[in-house]
N, C-alpha and C. Protein backbone atom coordinates (compact mmCIF):
# COMPACT_ATOMS: atom_id res chain seq x y z
N ILE A 1 -10.23 16.51 -0.14
CA ILE A 1 -9.84 15.38 -0.97
C ILE A 1 -10.94 15.14 -1.99
N SER A 2 -10.52 15.00 -3.24
CA SER A 2 -11.48 15.00 -4.34
C SER A 2 -12.24 13.70 -4.52
N ASN A 3 -11.65 12.59 -4.22
CA ASN A 3 -12.40 11.36 -4.43
C ASN A 3 -12.12 10.31 -3.35
N ARG A 4 -12.93 9.31 -3.35
CA ARG A 4 -12.87 8.27 -2.33
C ARG A 4 -11.54 7.53 -2.33
N GLU A 5 -11.02 7.25 -3.51
CA GLU A 5 -9.75 6.52 -3.60
C GLU A 5 -8.62 7.32 -2.95
N ASP A 6 -8.60 8.62 -3.16
CA ASP A 6 -7.59 9.46 -2.52
C ASP A 6 -7.74 9.42 -1.00
N SER A 7 -8.97 9.40 -0.52
CA SER A 7 -9.23 9.31 0.92
C SER A 7 -8.69 8.01 1.49
N ILE A 8 -8.91 6.93 0.77
CA ILE A 8 -8.43 5.62 1.23
C ILE A 8 -6.90 5.61 1.27
N ARG A 9 -6.28 6.10 0.23
CA ARG A 9 -4.81 6.13 0.19
C ARG A 9 -4.23 7.00 1.30
N LEU A 10 -4.82 8.16 1.51
CA LEU A 10 -4.36 9.05 2.57
C LEU A 10 -4.52 8.40 3.94
N THR A 11 -5.61 7.72 4.14
CA THR A 11 -5.85 7.03 5.41
C THR A 11 -4.79 5.97 5.65
N ILE A 12 -4.47 5.19 4.63
CA ILE A 12 -3.45 4.14 4.76
C ILE A 12 -2.09 4.76 5.07
N ILE A 13 -1.74 5.82 4.37
CA ILE A 13 -0.47 6.50 4.62
C ILE A 13 -0.42 7.01 6.07
N ASN A 14 -1.50 7.61 6.53
CA ASN A 14 -1.54 8.12 7.90
C ASN A 14 -1.46 7.00 8.93
N LEU A 15 -2.08 5.88 8.65
CA LEU A 15 -1.98 4.75 9.57
C LEU A 15 -0.56 4.21 9.62
N GLU A 16 0.05 4.04 8.46
CA GLU A 16 1.39 3.47 8.40
C GLU A 16 2.44 4.41 9.00
N SER A 17 2.18 5.71 8.96
CA SER A 17 3.15 6.66 9.52
C SER A 17 2.88 6.98 10.99
N GLY A 18 1.81 6.41 11.55
CA GLY A 18 1.54 6.58 12.97
C GLY A 18 0.67 7.76 13.33
N VAL A 19 0.08 8.43 12.34
CA VAL A 19 -0.81 9.55 12.63
C VAL A 19 -2.02 9.06 13.42
N PHE A 20 -2.53 7.90 13.05
CA PHE A 20 -3.65 7.27 13.76
C PHE A 20 -3.16 6.00 14.42
N MET A 21 -3.65 5.76 15.61
CA MET A 21 -3.25 4.56 16.33
C MET A 21 -4.21 3.39 16.10
N SER A 22 -5.37 3.67 15.52
CA SER A 22 -6.31 2.58 15.27
C SER A 22 -6.98 2.75 13.92
N GLN A 23 -7.32 1.62 13.32
CA GLN A 23 -8.04 1.65 12.05
C GLN A 23 -9.41 2.29 12.22
N ARG A 24 -10.03 2.05 13.36
CA ARG A 24 -11.36 2.60 13.60
C ARG A 24 -11.35 4.13 13.56
N LYS A 25 -10.38 4.73 14.24
CA LYS A 25 -10.29 6.19 14.26
C LYS A 25 -9.97 6.75 12.88
N ALA A 26 -9.07 6.09 12.17
CA ALA A 26 -8.70 6.55 10.83
C ALA A 26 -9.89 6.46 9.88
N ALA A 27 -10.61 5.36 9.94
CA ALA A 27 -11.78 5.18 9.07
C ALA A 27 -12.84 6.22 9.37
N ALA A 28 -13.04 6.50 10.63
CA ALA A 28 -14.05 7.50 11.02
C ALA A 28 -13.64 8.90 10.55
N LYS A 29 -12.37 9.24 10.69
CA LYS A 29 -11.89 10.57 10.31
C LYS A 29 -12.15 10.85 8.83
N TYR A 30 -11.92 9.85 7.98
CA TYR A 30 -12.07 10.05 6.53
C TYR A 30 -13.36 9.46 5.98
N ASN A 31 -14.23 9.03 6.89
CA ASN A 31 -15.54 8.50 6.50
C ASN A 31 -15.43 7.34 5.51
N ILE A 32 -14.59 6.38 5.87
CA ILE A 32 -14.37 5.18 5.05
C ILE A 32 -14.86 3.98 5.85
N PRO A 33 -15.61 3.08 5.24
CA PRO A 33 -16.03 1.88 5.96
C PRO A 33 -14.80 1.11 6.48
N ARG A 34 -14.87 0.69 7.72
CA ARG A 34 -13.72 0.02 8.33
C ARG A 34 -13.34 -1.25 7.59
N LEU A 35 -14.33 -1.98 7.09
CA LEU A 35 -14.05 -3.20 6.33
C LEU A 35 -13.25 -2.88 5.06
N THR A 36 -13.59 -1.79 4.40
CA THR A 36 -12.85 -1.37 3.21
C THR A 36 -11.40 -1.08 3.57
N LEU A 37 -11.20 -0.36 4.65
CA LEU A 37 -9.86 -0.02 5.09
C LEU A 37 -9.07 -1.27 5.46
N THR A 38 -9.68 -2.17 6.20
CA THR A 38 -9.02 -3.41 6.60
C THR A 38 -8.61 -4.22 5.38
N SER A 39 -9.51 -4.31 4.42
CA SER A 39 -9.23 -5.05 3.19
C SER A 39 -8.07 -4.43 2.42
N ARG A 40 -8.08 -3.12 2.31
CA ARG A 40 -7.01 -2.43 1.58
C ARG A 40 -5.67 -2.57 2.28
N LEU A 41 -5.68 -2.51 3.59
CA LEU A 41 -4.43 -2.67 4.34
C LEU A 41 -3.85 -4.06 4.14
N ALA A 42 -4.69 -5.07 4.14
CA ALA A 42 -4.23 -6.44 3.91
C ALA A 42 -3.67 -6.58 2.51
N SER A 43 -4.36 -6.01 1.55
CA SER A 43 -3.91 -6.05 0.16
C SER A 43 -2.60 -5.30 -0.01
N SER A 44 -2.49 -4.16 0.64
CA SER A 44 -1.29 -3.34 0.56
C SER A 44 -0.08 -4.10 1.10
N SER A 45 -0.27 -4.78 2.21
CA SER A 45 0.80 -5.55 2.83
C SER A 45 1.23 -6.70 1.92
N THR A 46 0.27 -7.41 1.34
CA THR A 46 0.56 -8.52 0.44
C THR A 46 1.30 -8.02 -0.79
N THR A 47 0.87 -6.92 -1.35
CA THR A 47 1.51 -6.35 -2.53
C THR A 47 2.94 -5.93 -2.20
N ARG A 48 3.13 -5.30 -1.07
CA ARG A 48 4.47 -4.86 -0.65
C ARG A 48 5.39 -6.07 -0.52
N GLU A 49 4.91 -7.13 0.11
CA GLU A 49 5.72 -8.34 0.28
C GLU A 49 6.08 -8.95 -1.06
N PHE A 50 5.12 -8.97 -2.00
CA PHE A 50 5.37 -9.52 -3.32
C PHE A 50 6.48 -8.74 -4.02
N ILE A 51 6.40 -7.41 -3.97
CA ILE A 51 7.40 -6.57 -4.63
C ILE A 51 8.78 -6.77 -4.01
N ILE A 52 8.84 -6.83 -2.70
CA ILE A 52 10.12 -7.05 -2.02
C ILE A 52 10.71 -8.39 -2.44
N ASN A 53 9.89 -9.43 -2.43
CA ASN A 53 10.37 -10.75 -2.84
C ASN A 53 10.83 -10.76 -4.29
N TRP A 54 10.10 -10.08 -5.16
CA TRP A 54 10.46 -10.00 -6.57
C TRP A 54 11.83 -9.33 -6.73
N ILE A 55 12.04 -8.22 -6.02
CA ILE A 55 13.33 -7.52 -6.09
C ILE A 55 14.46 -8.43 -5.62
N LEU A 56 14.24 -9.12 -4.51
CA LEU A 56 15.27 -10.02 -3.97
C LEU A 56 15.57 -11.18 -4.91
N GLU A 57 14.53 -11.76 -5.50
CA GLU A 57 14.72 -12.87 -6.44
C GLU A 57 15.46 -12.42 -7.69
N GLU A 58 15.09 -11.26 -8.21
CA GLU A 58 15.77 -10.73 -9.39
C GLU A 58 17.24 -10.45 -9.07
N GLY A 59 17.49 -9.90 -7.90
CA GLY A 59 18.86 -9.62 -7.48
C GLY A 59 19.68 -10.89 -7.34
N ALA A 60 19.07 -11.95 -6.81
CA ALA A 60 19.76 -13.22 -6.65
C ALA A 60 20.11 -13.83 -8.01
N ARG A 61 19.33 -13.52 -9.03
CA ARG A 61 19.60 -14.01 -10.39
C ARG A 61 20.61 -13.14 -11.12
N GLY A 62 21.01 -12.05 -10.48
CA GLY A 62 21.96 -11.15 -11.11
C GLY A 62 21.32 -10.04 -11.93
N TYR A 63 20.02 -9.89 -11.79
CA TYR A 63 19.29 -8.85 -12.52
C TYR A 63 18.68 -7.86 -11.54
N SER A 64 19.48 -6.97 -11.04
CA SER A 64 18.95 -5.99 -10.10
C SER A 64 17.99 -5.06 -10.82
N PRO A 65 16.72 -5.05 -10.42
CA PRO A 65 15.74 -4.21 -11.10
C PRO A 65 16.01 -2.72 -10.87
N THR A 66 15.75 -1.94 -11.89
CA THR A 66 15.90 -0.49 -11.77
C THR A 66 14.70 0.08 -11.03
N HIS A 67 14.83 1.33 -10.66
CA HIS A 67 13.72 2.01 -10.00
C HIS A 67 12.50 2.03 -10.93
N ALA A 68 12.73 2.29 -12.20
CA ALA A 68 11.63 2.34 -13.17
C ALA A 68 10.93 0.98 -13.30
N GLN A 69 11.70 -0.10 -13.31
CA GLN A 69 11.11 -1.44 -13.39
C GLN A 69 10.28 -1.75 -12.15
N THR A 70 10.79 -1.34 -11.00
CA THR A 70 10.06 -1.57 -9.75
C THR A 70 8.77 -0.77 -9.74
N GLN A 71 8.82 0.47 -10.20
CA GLN A 71 7.60 1.28 -10.29
C GLN A 71 6.59 0.65 -11.25
N GLU A 72 7.08 0.11 -12.35
CA GLU A 72 6.20 -0.51 -13.34
C GLU A 72 5.46 -1.71 -12.75
N ILE A 73 6.18 -2.58 -12.06
CA ILE A 73 5.52 -3.76 -11.49
C ILE A 73 4.55 -3.34 -10.39
N ALA A 74 4.92 -2.33 -9.61
CA ALA A 74 4.03 -1.85 -8.56
C ALA A 74 2.75 -1.28 -9.16
N SER A 75 2.87 -0.52 -10.22
CA SER A 75 1.67 0.07 -10.83
C SER A 75 0.78 -0.99 -11.45
N ARG A 76 1.37 -2.06 -11.95
CA ARG A 76 0.57 -3.16 -12.50
C ARG A 76 -0.21 -3.89 -11.40
N LEU A 77 0.41 -4.00 -10.24
CA LEU A 77 -0.23 -4.70 -9.13
C LEU A 77 -1.31 -3.86 -8.46
N LEU A 78 -1.14 -2.56 -8.50
CA LEU A 78 -2.10 -1.68 -7.84
C LEU A 78 -3.12 -1.29 -8.84
């Protein structure tokens, strides 16, 4: 993995998919400080919830967002 950010993203993906059962093991495997991983996971969850709520609110208003619009808002938040 070429950079630290890629390592963090890969670690989060592996945690969410069940490759690792604990944050401690995942952080150790990719040599990421556990506090960094914990912080990113919390942020990731908050961002995901925001996007889901945004999609639902837009849908309730009759404006179902397209895939491209959803990607755009996600990239702005990340």
